[in-house]
Amino acid sequence: IVNTYNYENDYFNLKPPLSYWGIILGFKLFGVSIFSMRFYSALS
């Protein structure tokens, strides 16, 4: 629910979390990497 930047609450990027959930989905599917982070965008 809460997005952080460098482990502090982020009040600069004030977007709701759906795109972050897409990134997390990539991490859960393929592990942490640049490919998995970008996967949801490419799929979209």
ModelCIF file with pLDDT and N, C-alpha, C, O atoms, coordinates in Angstrom:
data_MODEL
#
_entry.id   MODEL 
#
_entity.id                         1 
_entity.type                       polymer 
_entity.pdbx_number_of_molecules   1 
#
_entity_poly.entity_id                      1 
_entity_poly.type                           'polypeptide(L)' 
_entity_poly.nstd_linkage                   no 
_entity_poly.nstd_monomer                   no 
_entity_poly.pdbx_seq_one_letter_code       IVNTYNYENDYFNLKPPLSYWGIILGFKLFGVSIFSMRFYSALS 
_entity_poly.pdbx_seq_one_letter_code_can   IVNTYNYENDYFNLKPPLSYWGIILGFKLFGVSIFSMRFYSALS 
_entity_poly.pdbx_strand_id                 A 
#
loop_
_entity_poly_seq.entity_id 
_entity_poly_seq.num 
_entity_poly_seq.mon_id 
_entity_poly_seq.hetero 
1 1  ILE n 
1 2  VAL n 
1 3  ASN n 
1 4  THR n 
1 5  TYR n 
1 6  ASN n 
1 7  TYR n 
1 8  GLU n 
1 9  ASN n 
1 10 ASP n 
1 11 TYR n 
1 12 PHE n 
1 13 ASN n 
1 14 LEU n 
1 15 LYS n 
1 16 PRO n 
1 17 PRO n 
1 18 LEU n 
1 19 SER n 
1 20 TYR n 
1 21 TRP n 
1 22 GLY n 
1 23 ILE n 
1 24 ILE n 
1 25 LEU n 
1 26 GLY n 
1 27 PHE n 
1 28 LYS n 
1 29 LEU n 
1 30 PHE n 
1 31 GLY n 
1 32 VAL n 
1 33 SER n 
1 34 ILE n 
1 35 PHE n 
1 36 SER n 
1 37 MET n 
1 38 ARG n 
1 39 PHE n 
1 40 TYR n 
1 41 SER n 
1 42 ALA n 
1 43 LEU n 
1 44 SER n 
#
_struct_asym.id          A 
_struct_asym.entity_id   1 
#
loop_
_ma_qa_metric.id 
_ma_qa_metric.mode 
_ma_qa_metric.name 
_ma_qa_metric.software_group_id 
_ma_qa_metric.type 
1 global pLDDT . pLDDT 
2 local  pLDDT . pLDDT 
#
_ma_qa_metric_global.metric_id      1 
_ma_qa_metric_global.metric_value   96.89 
_ma_qa_metric_global.model_id       1 
_ma_qa_metric_global.ordinal_id     1 
#
loop_
_ma_qa_metric_local.label_asym_id 
_ma_qa_metric_local.label_comp_id 
_ma_qa_metric_local.label_seq_id 
_ma_qa_metric_local.metric_id 
_ma_qa_metric_local.metric_value 
_ma_qa_metric_local.model_id 
_ma_qa_metric_local.ordinal_id 
A ILE 1  2 97.00 1 1  
A VAL 2  2 97.00 1 2  
A ASN 3  2 97.00 1 3  
A THR 4  2 97.00 1 4  
A TYR 5  2 97.00 1 5  
A ASN 6  2 97.00 1 6  
A TYR 7  2 97.00 1 7  
A GLU 8  2 97.00 1 8  
A ASN 9  2 96.00 1 9  
A ASP 10 2 96.00 1 10 
A TYR 11 2 94.00 1 11 
A PHE 12 2 91.00 1 12 
A ASN 13 2 92.00 1 13 
A LEU 14 2 93.00 1 14 
A LYS 15 2 94.00 1 15 
A PRO 16 2 96.00 1 16 
A PRO 17 2 97.00 1 17 
A LEU 18 2 98.00 1 18 
A SER 19 2 97.00 1 19 
A TYR 20 2 98.00 1 20 
A TRP 21 2 98.00 1 21 
A GLY 22 2 98.00 1 22 
A ILE 23 2 98.00 1 23 
A ILE 24 2 98.00 1 24 
A LEU 25 2 98.00 1 25 
A GLY 26 2 98.00 1 26 
A PHE 27 2 98.00 1 27 
A LYS 28 2 97.00 1 28 
A LEU 29 2 97.00 1 29 
A PHE 30 2 97.00 1 30 
A GLY 31 2 97.00 1 31 
A VAL 32 2 97.00 1 32 
A SER 33 2 97.00 1 33 
A ILE 34 2 97.00 1 34 
A PHE 35 2 98.00 1 35 
A SER 36 2 98.00 1 36 
A MET 37 2 98.00 1 37 
A ARG 38 2 98.00 1 38 
A PHE 39 2 98.00 1 39 
A TYR 40 2 98.00 1 40 
A SER 41 2 98.00 1 41 
A ALA 42 2 98.00 1 42 
A LEU 43 2 98.00 1 43 
A SER 44 2 98.00 1 44 
#
loop_
_atom_site.group_PDB 
_atom_site.id 
_atom_site.type_symbol 
_atom_site.label_atom_id 
_atom_site.label_alt_id 
_atom_site.label_comp_id 
_atom_site.label_asym_id 
_atom_site.label_entity_id 
_atom_site.label_seq_id 
_atom_site.pdbx_PDB_ins_code 
_atom_site.Cartn_x 
_atom_site.Cartn_y 
_atom_site.Cartn_z 
_atom_site.occupancy 
_atom_site.B_iso_or_equiv 
_atom_site.pdbx_formal_charge 
_atom_site.auth_seq_id 
_atom_site.auth_comp_id 
_atom_site.auth_asym_id 
_atom_site.auth_atom_id 
_atom_site.pdbx_PDB_model_num 
ATOM 1   N N  . ILE A 1 1  ? 0.822  -1.215  0.000   1.00 97.00 ? 1  ILE A N  1 
ATOM 2   C CA . ILE A 1 1  ? 0.000  0.000   0.000   1.00 97.00 ? 1  ILE A CA 1 
ATOM 3   C C  . ILE A 1 1  ? 0.853  1.260   0.000   1.00 97.00 ? 1  ILE A C  1 
ATOM 4   O O  . ILE A 1 1  ? 0.581  2.188   -0.762  1.00 97.00 ? 1  ILE A O  1 
ATOM 5   N N  . VAL A 1 2  ? 1.876  1.308   0.840   1.00 97.00 ? 2  VAL A N  1 
ATOM 6   C CA . VAL A 1 2  ? 2.702  2.511   1.003   1.00 97.00 ? 2  VAL A CA 1 
ATOM 7   C C  . VAL A 1 2  ? 3.973  2.388   0.165   1.00 97.00 ? 2  VAL A C  1 
ATOM 8   O O  . VAL A 1 2  ? 4.761  1.461   0.352   1.00 97.00 ? 2  VAL A O  1 
ATOM 9   N N  . ASN A 1 3  ? 4.164  3.324   -0.754  1.00 97.00 ? 3  ASN A N  1 
ATOM 10  C CA . ASN A 1 3  ? 5.388  3.333   -1.565  1.00 97.00 ? 3  ASN A CA 1 
ATOM 11  C C  . ASN A 1 3  ? 6.455  4.169   -0.873  1.00 97.00 ? 3  ASN A C  1 
ATOM 12  O O  . ASN A 1 3  ? 6.188  5.262   -0.373  1.00 97.00 ? 3  ASN A O  1 
ATOM 13  N N  . THR A 1 4  ? 7.663  3.631   -0.857  1.00 97.00 ? 4  THR A N  1 
ATOM 14  C CA . THR A 1 4  ? 8.788  4.321   -0.220  1.00 97.00 ? 4  THR A CA 1 
ATOM 15  C C  . THR A 1 4  ? 9.898  4.529   -1.233  1.00 97.00 ? 4  THR A C  1 
ATOM 16  O O  . THR A 1 4  ? 9.995  3.822   -2.237  1.00 97.00 ? 4  THR A O  1 
ATOM 17  N N  . TYR A 1 5  ? 10.739 5.522   -0.942  1.00 97.00 ? 5  TYR A N  1 
ATOM 18  C CA . TYR A 1 5  ? 11.932 5.768   -1.755  1.00 97.00 ? 5  TYR A CA 1 
ATOM 19  C C  . TYR A 1 5  ? 13.120 5.844   -0.818  1.00 97.00 ? 5  TYR A C  1 
ATOM 20  O O  . TYR A 1 5  ? 13.178 6.700   0.065   1.00 97.00 ? 5  TYR A O  1 
ATOM 21  N N  . ASN A 1 6  ? 14.068 4.939   -1.018  1.00 97.00 ? 6  ASN A N  1 
ATOM 22  C CA . ASN A 1 6  ? 15.209 4.787   -0.110  1.00 97.00 ? 6  ASN A CA 1 
ATOM 23  C C  . ASN A 1 6  ? 14.713 4.575   1.320   1.00 97.00 ? 6  ASN A C  1 
ATOM 24  O O  . ASN A 1 6  ? 15.287 5.087   2.281   1.00 97.00 ? 6  ASN A O  1 
ATOM 25  N N  . TYR A 1 7  ? 13.633 3.807   1.427   1.00 97.00 ? 7  TYR A N  1 
ATOM 26  C CA . TYR A 1 7  ? 13.051 3.348   2.680   1.00 97.00 ? 7  TYR A CA 1 
ATOM 27  C C  . TYR A 1 7  ? 12.448 4.470   3.521   1.00 97.00 ? 7  TYR A C  1 
ATOM 28  O O  . TYR A 1 7  ? 12.348 4.353   4.742   1.00 97.00 ? 7  TYR A O  1 
ATOM 29  N N  . GLU A 1 8  ? 12.053 5.544   2.873   1.00 97.00 ? 8  GLU A N  1 
ATOM 30  C CA . GLU A 1 8  ? 11.255 6.583   3.514   1.00 97.00 ? 8  GLU A CA 1 
ATOM 31  C C  . GLU A 1 8  ? 10.011 6.811   2.668   1.00 97.00 ? 8  GLU A C  1 
ATOM 32  O O  . GLU A 1 8  ? 10.071 6.734   1.440   1.00 97.00 ? 8  GLU A O  1 
ATOM 33  N N  . ASN A 1 9  ? 8.881  7.091   3.317   1.00 96.00 ? 9  ASN A N  1 
ATOM 34  C CA . ASN A 1 9  ? 7.642  7.306   2.584   1.00 96.00 ? 9  ASN A CA 1 
ATOM 35  C C  . ASN A 1 9  ? 7.861  8.306   1.448   1.00 96.00 ? 9  ASN A C  1 
ATOM 36  O O  . ASN A 1 9  ? 8.437  9.375   1.649   1.00 96.00 ? 9  ASN A O  1 
ATOM 37  N N  . ASP A 1 10 ? 7.393  7.942   0.258   1.00 96.00 ? 10 ASP A N  1 
ATOM 38  C CA . ASP A 1 10 ? 7.639  8.751   -0.930  1.00 96.00 ? 10 ASP A CA 1 
ATOM 39  C C  . ASP A 1 10 ? 6.459  9.688   -1.167  1.00 96.00 ? 10 ASP A C  1 
ATOM 40  O O  . ASP A 1 10 ? 5.357  9.246   -1.493  1.00 96.00 ? 10 ASP A O  1 
ATOM 41  N N  . TYR A 1 11 ? 6.702  10.984  -1.000  1.00 94.00 ? 11 TYR A N  1 
ATOM 42  C CA . TYR A 1 11 ? 5.676  11.990  -1.269  1.00 94.00 ? 11 TYR A CA 1 
ATOM 43  C C  . TYR A 1 11 ? 6.031  12.818  -2.508  1.00 94.00 ? 11 TYR A C  1 
ATOM 44  O O  . TYR A 1 11 ? 5.519  13.918  -2.717  1.00 94.00 ? 11 TYR A O  1 
ATOM 45  N N  . PHE A 1 12 ? 6.925  12.248  -3.320  1.00 91.00 ? 12 PHE A N  1 
ATOM 46  C CA . PHE A 1 12 ? 7.221  12.856  -4.620  1.00 91.00 ? 12 PHE A CA 1 
ATOM 47  C C  . PHE A 1 12 ? 6.467  12.119  -5.725  1.00 91.00 ? 12 PHE A C  1 
ATOM 48  O O  . PHE A 1 12 ? 5.796  12.737  -6.552  1.00 91.00 ? 12 PHE A O  1 
ATOM 49  N N  . ASN A 1 13 ? 6.584  10.803  -5.730  1.00 92.00 ? 13 ASN A N  1 
ATOM 50  C CA . ASN A 1 13 ? 5.834  9.993   -6.695  1.00 92.00 ? 13 ASN A CA 1 
ATOM 51  C C  . ASN A 1 13 ? 4.466  9.676   -6.082  1.00 92.00 ? 13 ASN A C  1 
ATOM 52  O O  . ASN A 1 13 ? 4.321  8.723   -5.317  1.00 92.00 ? 13 ASN A O  1 
ATOM 53  N N  . LEU A 1 14 ? 3.491  10.475  -6.425  1.00 93.00 ? 14 LEU A N  1 
ATOM 54  C CA . LEU A 1 14 ? 2.192  10.420  -5.755  1.00 93.00 ? 14 LEU A CA 1 
ATOM 55  C C  . LEU A 1 14 ? 1.165  9.643   -6.573  1.00 93.00 ? 14 LEU A C  1 
ATOM 56  O O  . LEU A 1 14 ? 0.017  10.065  -6.714  1.00 93.00 ? 14 LEU A O  1 
ATOM 57  N N  . LYS A 1 15 ? 1.591  8.515   -7.104  1.00 94.00 ? 15 LYS A N  1 
ATOM 58  C CA . LYS A 1 15 ? 0.704  7.666   -7.889  1.00 94.00 ? 15 LYS A CA 1 
ATOM 59  C C  . LYS A 1 15 ? 0.166  6.533   -7.010  1.00 94.00 ? 15 LYS A C  1 
ATOM 60  O O  . LYS A 1 15 ? 0.878  6.038   -6.137  1.00 94.00 ? 15 LYS A O  1 
ATOM 61  N N  . PRO A 1 16 ? -1.081 6.123   -7.236  1.00 96.00 ? 16 PRO A N  1 
ATOM 62  C CA . PRO A 1 16 ? -1.587 4.909   -6.584  1.00 96.00 ? 16 PRO A CA 1 
ATOM 63  C C  . PRO A 1 16 ? -0.751 3.696   -6.982  1.00 96.00 ? 16 PRO A C  1 
ATOM 64  O O  . PRO A 1 16 ? 0.121  3.806   -7.844  1.00 96.00 ? 16 PRO A O  1 
ATOM 65  N N  . PRO A 1 17 ? -1.004 2.538   -6.365  1.00 97.00 ? 17 PRO A N  1 
ATOM 66  C CA . PRO A 1 17 ? 0.003  1.463   -6.417  1.00 97.00 ? 17 PRO A CA 1 
ATOM 67  C C  . PRO A 1 17 ? -0.131 0.439   -7.532  1.00 97.00 ? 17 PRO A C  1 
ATOM 68  O O  . PRO A 1 17 ? 0.635  -0.525  -7.527  1.00 97.00 ? 17 PRO A O  1 
ATOM 69  N N  . LEU A 1 18 ? -1.051 0.572   -8.492  1.00 98.00 ? 18 LEU A N  1 
ATOM 70  C CA . LEU A 1 18 ? -1.269 -0.516  -9.442  1.00 98.00 ? 18 LEU A CA 1 
ATOM 71  C C  . LEU A 1 18 ? -0.018 -0.840  -10.251 1.00 98.00 ? 18 LEU A C  1 
ATOM 72  O O  . LEU A 1 18 ? 0.292  -2.012  -10.465 1.00 98.00 ? 18 LEU A O  1 
ATOM 73  N N  . SER A 1 19 ? 0.700  0.179   -10.699 1.00 97.00 ? 19 SER A N  1 
ATOM 74  C CA . SER A 1 19 ? 1.909  -0.087  -11.487 1.00 97.00 ? 19 SER A CA 1 
ATOM 75  C C  . SER A 1 19 ? 2.997  -0.728  -10.632 1.00 97.00 ? 19 SER A C  1 
ATOM 76  O O  . SER A 1 19 ? 3.780  -1.536  -11.132 1.00 97.00 ? 19 SER A O  1 
ATOM 77  N N  . TYR A 1 20 ? 3.053  -0.377  -9.347  1.00 98.00 ? 20 TYR A N  1 
ATOM 78  C CA . TYR A 1 20 ? 4.033  -1.014  -8.460  1.00 98.00 ? 20 TYR A CA 1 
ATOM 79  C C  . TYR A 1 20 ? 3.692  -2.485  -8.291  1.00 98.00 ? 20 TYR A C  1 
ATOM 80  O O  . TYR A 1 20 ? 4.582  -3.332  -8.201  1.00 98.00 ? 20 TYR A O  1 
ATOM 81  N N  . TRP A 1 21 ? 2.401  -2.785  -8.248  1.00 98.00 ? 21 TRP A N  1 
ATOM 82  C CA . TRP A 1 21 ? 1.989  -4.184  -8.139  1.00 98.00 ? 21 TRP A CA 1 
ATOM 83  C C  . TRP A 1 21 ? 2.396  -4.959  -9.395  1.00 98.00 ? 21 TRP A C  1 
ATOM 84  O O  . TRP A 1 21 ? 2.731  -6.141  -9.318  1.00 98.00 ? 21 TRP A O  1 
ATOM 85  N N  . GLY A 1 22 ? 2.366  -4.288  -10.548 1.00 98.00 ? 22 GLY A N  1 
ATOM 86  C CA . GLY A 1 22 ? 2.839  -4.930  -11.771 1.00 98.00 ? 22 GLY A CA 1 
ATOM 87  C C  . GLY A 1 22 ? 4.311  -5.280  -11.679 1.00 98.00 ? 22 GLY A C  1 
ATOM 88  O O  . GLY A 1 22 ? 4.723  -6.361  -12.099 1.00 98.00 ? 22 GLY A O  1 
ATOM 89  N N  . ILE A 1 23 ? 5.107  -4.371  -11.132 1.00 98.00 ? 23 ILE A N  1 
ATOM 90  C CA . ILE A 1 23 ? 6.537  -4.629  -10.933 1.00 98.00 ? 23 ILE A CA 1 
ATOM 91  C C  . ILE A 1 23 ? 6.732  -5.797  -9.968  1.00 98.00 ? 23 ILE A C  1 
ATOM 92  O O  . ILE A 1 23 ? 7.556  -6.679  -10.210 1.00 98.00 ? 23 ILE A O  1 
ATOM 93  N N  . ILE A 1 24 ? 5.976  -5.796  -8.882  1.00 98.00 ? 24 ILE A N  1 
ATOM 94  C CA . ILE A 1 24 ? 6.074  -6.867  -7.882  1.00 98.00 ? 24 ILE A CA 1 
ATOM 95  C C  . ILE A 1 24 ? 5.704  -8.211  -8.502  1.00 98.00 ? 24 ILE A C  1 
ATOM 96  O O  . ILE A 1 24 ? 6.334  -9.224  -8.199  1.00 98.00 ? 24 ILE A O  1 
ATOM 97  N N  . LEU A 1 25 ? 4.688  -8.232  -9.366  1.00 98.00 ? 25 LEU A N  1 
ATOM 98  C CA . LEU A 1 25 ? 4.313  -9.465  -10.053 1.00 98.00 ? 25 LEU A CA 1 
ATOM 99  C C  . LEU A 1 25 ? 5.497  -10.018 -10.840 1.00 98.00 ? 25 LEU A C  1 
ATOM 100 O O  . LEU A 1 25 ? 5.752  -11.222 -10.817 1.00 98.00 ? 25 LEU A O  1 
ATOM 101 N N  . GLY A 1 26 ? 6.221  -9.143  -11.534 1.00 98.00 ? 26 GLY A N  1 
ATOM 102 C CA . GLY A 1 26 ? 7.400  -9.579  -12.270 1.00 98.00 ? 26 GLY A CA 1 
ATOM 103 C C  . GLY A 1 26 ? 8.454  -10.168 -11.361 1.00 98.00 ? 26 GLY A C  1 
ATOM 104 O O  . GLY A 1 26 ? 9.059  -11.189 -11.691 1.00 98.00 ? 26 GLY A O  1 
ATOM 105 N N  . PHE A 1 27 ? 8.685  -9.531  -10.206 1.00 98.00 ? 27 PHE A N  1 
ATOM 106 C CA . PHE A 1 27 ? 9.664  -10.048 -9.250  1.00 98.00 ? 27 PHE A CA 1 
ATOM 107 C C  . PHE A 1 27 ? 9.259  -11.426 -8.741  1.00 98.00 ? 27 PHE A C  1 
ATOM 108 O O  . PHE A 1 27 ? 10.100 -12.311 -8.583  1.00 98.00 ? 27 PHE A O  1 
ATOM 109 N N  . LYS A 1 28 ? 7.965  -11.602 -8.486  1.00 97.00 ? 28 LYS A N  1 
ATOM 110 C CA . LYS A 1 28 ? 7.494  -12.888 -7.959  1.00 97.00 ? 28 LYS A CA 1 
ATOM 111 C C  . LYS A 1 28 ? 7.581  -13.989 -9.016  1.00 97.00 ? 28 LYS A C  1 
ATOM 112 O O  . LYS A 1 28 ? 7.823  -15.150 -8.687  1.00 97.00 ? 28 LYS A O  1 
ATOM 113 N N  . LEU A 1 29 ? 7.386  -13.625 -10.278 1.00 97.00 ? 29 LEU A N  1 
ATOM 114 C CA . LEU A 1 29 ? 7.440  -14.613 -11.360 1.00 97.00 ? 29 LEU A CA 1 
ATOM 115 C C  . LEU A 1 29 ? 8.867  -14.997 -11.733 1.00 97.00 ? 29 LEU A C  1 
ATOM 116 O O  . LEU A 1 29 ? 9.159  -16.171 -11.959 1.00 97.00 ? 29 LEU A O  1 
ATOM 117 N N  . PHE A 1 30 ? 9.754  -14.007 -11.797 1.00 97.00 ? 30 PHE A N  1 
ATOM 118 C CA . PHE A 1 30 ? 11.076 -14.239 -12.386 1.00 97.00 ? 30 PHE A CA 1 
ATOM 119 C C  . PHE A 1 30 ? 12.239 -13.896 -11.449 1.00 97.00 ? 30 PHE A C  1 
ATOM 120 O O  . PHE A 1 30 ? 13.399 -14.022 -11.843 1.00 97.00 ? 30 PHE A O  1 
ATOM 121 N N  . GLY A 1 31 ? 11.951 -13.469 -10.227 1.00 97.00 ? 31 GLY A N  1 
ATOM 122 C CA . GLY A 1 31 ? 13.025 -13.012 -9.358  1.00 97.00 ? 31 GLY A CA 1 
ATOM 123 C C  . GLY A 1 31 ? 13.352 -11.555 -9.630  1.00 97.00 ? 31 GLY A C  1 
ATOM 124 O O  . GLY A 1 31 ? 12.841 -10.972 -10.586 1.00 97.00 ? 31 GLY A O  1 
ATOM 125 N N  . VAL A 1 32 ? 14.191 -10.967 -8.807  1.00 97.00 ? 32 VAL A N  1 
ATOM 126 C CA . VAL A 1 32 ? 14.519 -9.547  -8.906  1.00 97.00 ? 32 VAL A CA 1 
ATOM 127 C C  . VAL A 1 32 ? 15.524 -9.327  -10.027 1.00 97.00 ? 32 VAL A C  1 
ATOM 128 O O  . VAL A 1 32 ? 16.628 -9.871  -9.999  1.00 97.00 ? 32 VAL A O  1 
ATOM 129 N N  . SER A 1 33 ? 15.137 -8.530  -11.009 1.00 97.00 ? 33 SER A N  1 
ATOM 130 C CA . SER A 1 33 ? 16.026 -8.181  -12.117 1.00 97.00 ? 33 SER A CA 1 
ATOM 131 C C  . SER A 1 33 ? 15.408 -7.036  -12.892 1.00 97.00 ? 33 SER A C  1 
ATOM 132 O O  . SER A 1 33 ? 14.245 -6.692  -12.680 1.00 97.00 ? 33 SER A O  1 
ATOM 133 N N  . ILE A 1 34 ? 16.178 -6.446  -13.786 1.00 97.00 ? 34 ILE A N  1 
ATOM 134 C CA . ILE A 1 34 ? 15.647 -5.379  -14.636 1.00 97.00 ? 34 ILE A CA 1 
ATOM 135 C C  . ILE A 1 34 ? 14.575 -5.947  -15.566 1.00 97.00 ? 34 ILE A C  1 
ATOM 136 O O  . ILE A 1 34 ? 13.556 -5.298  -15.803 1.00 97.00 ? 34 ILE A O  1 
ATOM 137 N N  . PHE A 1 35 ? 14.795 -7.137  -16.088 1.00 98.00 ? 35 PHE A N  1 
ATOM 138 C CA . PHE A 1 35 ? 13.794 -7.761  -16.964 1.00 98.00 ? 35 PHE A CA 1 
ATOM 139 C C  . PHE A 1 35 ? 12.472 -7.931  -16.235 1.00 98.00 ? 35 PHE A C  1 
ATOM 140 O O  . PHE A 1 35 ? 11.423 -7.555  -16.758 1.00 98.00 ? 35 PHE A O  1 
ATOM 141 N N  . SER A 1 36 ? 12.510 -8.490  -15.042 1.00 98.00 ? 36 SER A N  1 
ATOM 142 C CA . SER A 1 36 ? 11.262 -8.743  -14.313 1.00 98.00 ? 36 SER A CA 1 
ATOM 143 C C  . SER A 1 36 ? 10.579 -7.441  -13.921 1.00 98.00 ? 36 SER A C  1 
ATOM 144 O O  . SER A 1 36 ? 9.350  -7.380  -13.876 1.00 98.00 ? 36 SER A O  1 
ATOM 145 N N  . MET A 1 37 ? 11.356 -6.397  -13.636 1.00 98.00 ? 37 MET A N  1 
ATOM 146 C CA . MET A 1 37 ? 10.777 -5.102  -13.303 1.00 98.00 ? 37 MET A CA 1 
ATOM 147 C C  . MET A 1 37 ? 10.017 -4.520  -14.492 1.00 98.00 ? 37 MET A C  1 
ATOM 148 O O  . MET A 1 37 ? 8.960  -3.913  -14.316 1.00 98.00 ? 37 MET A O  1 
ATOM 149 N N  . ARG A 1 38 ? 10.546 -4.701  -15.692 1.00 98.00 ? 38 ARG A N  1 
ATOM 150 C CA . ARG A 1 38 ? 9.926  -4.131  -16.896 1.00 98.00 ? 38 ARG A CA 1 
ATOM 151 C C  . ARG A 1 38 ? 8.899  -5.060  -17.531 1.00 98.00 ? 38 ARG A C  1 
ATOM 152 O O  . ARG A 1 38 ? 8.207  -4.667  -18.471 1.00 98.00 ? 38 ARG A O  1 
ATOM 153 N N  . PHE A 1 39 ? 8.793  -6.281  -17.031 1.00 98.00 ? 39 PHE A N  1 
ATOM 154 C CA . PHE A 1 39 ? 7.962  -7.290  -17.672 1.00 98.00 ? 39 PHE A CA 1 
ATOM 155 C C  . PHE A 1 39 ? 6.512  -6.840  -17.812 1.00 98.00 ? 39 PHE A C  1 
ATOM 156 O O  . PHE A 1 39 ? 5.912  -7.014  -18.872 1.00 98.00 ? 39 PHE A O  1 
ATOM 157 N N  . TYR A 1 40 ? 5.945  -6.265  -16.757 1.00 98.00 ? 40 TYR A N  1 
ATOM 158 C CA . TYR A 1 40 ? 4.518  -5.922  -16.804 1.00 98.00 ? 40 TYR A CA 1 
ATOM 159 C C  . TYR A 1 40 ? 4.244  -4.846  -17.860 1.00 98.00 ? 40 TYR A C  1 
ATOM 160 O O  . TYR A 1 40 ? 3.184  -4.855  -18.484 1.00 98.00 ? 40 TYR A O  1 
ATOM 161 N N  . SER A 1 41 ? 5.172  -3.937  -18.062 1.00 98.00 ? 41 SER A N  1 
ATOM 162 C CA . SER A 1 41 ? 4.993  -2.916  -19.091 1.00 98.00 ? 41 SER A CA 1 
ATOM 163 C C  . SER A 1 41 ? 5.038  -3.534  -20.485 1.00 98.00 ? 41 SER A C  1 
ATOM 164 O O  . SER A 1 41 ? 4.203  -3.229  -21.336 1.00 98.00 ? 41 SER A O  1 
ATOM 165 N N  . ALA A 1 42 ? 6.013  -4.398  -20.709 1.00 98.00 ? 42 ALA A N  1 
ATOM 166 C CA . ALA A 1 42 ? 6.127  -5.056  -22.018 1.00 98.00 ? 42 ALA A CA 1 
ATOM 167 C C  . ALA A 1 42 ? 4.885  -5.889  -22.307 1.00 98.00 ? 42 ALA A C  1 
ATOM 168 O O  . ALA A 1 42 ? 4.365  -5.877  -23.423 1.00 98.00 ? 42 ALA A O  1 
ATOM 169 N N  . LEU A 1 43 ? 4.414  -6.613  -21.295 1.00 98.00 ? 43 LEU A N  1 
ATOM 170 C CA . LEU A 1 43 ? 3.211  -7.425  -21.468 1.00 98.00 ? 43 LEU A CA 1 
ATOM 171 C C  . LEU A 1 43 ? 1.994  -6.542  -21.737 1.00 98.00 ? 43 LEU A C  1 
ATOM 172 O O  . LEU A 1 43 ? 1.151  -6.888  -22.564 1.00 98.00 ? 43 LEU A O  1 
ATOM 173 N N  . SER A 1 44 ? 1.897  -5.414  -21.052 1.00 98.00 ? 44 SER A N  1 
ATOM 174 C CA . SER A 1 44 ? 0.769  -4.499  -21.251 1.00 98.00 ? 44 SER A CA 1 
ATOM 175 C C  . SER A 1 44 ? 0.728  -3.984  -22.676 1.00 98.00 ? 44 SER A C  1 
ATOM 176 O O  . SER A 1 44 ? -0.156 -3.201  -23.024 1.00 98.00 ? 44 SER A O  1 
#
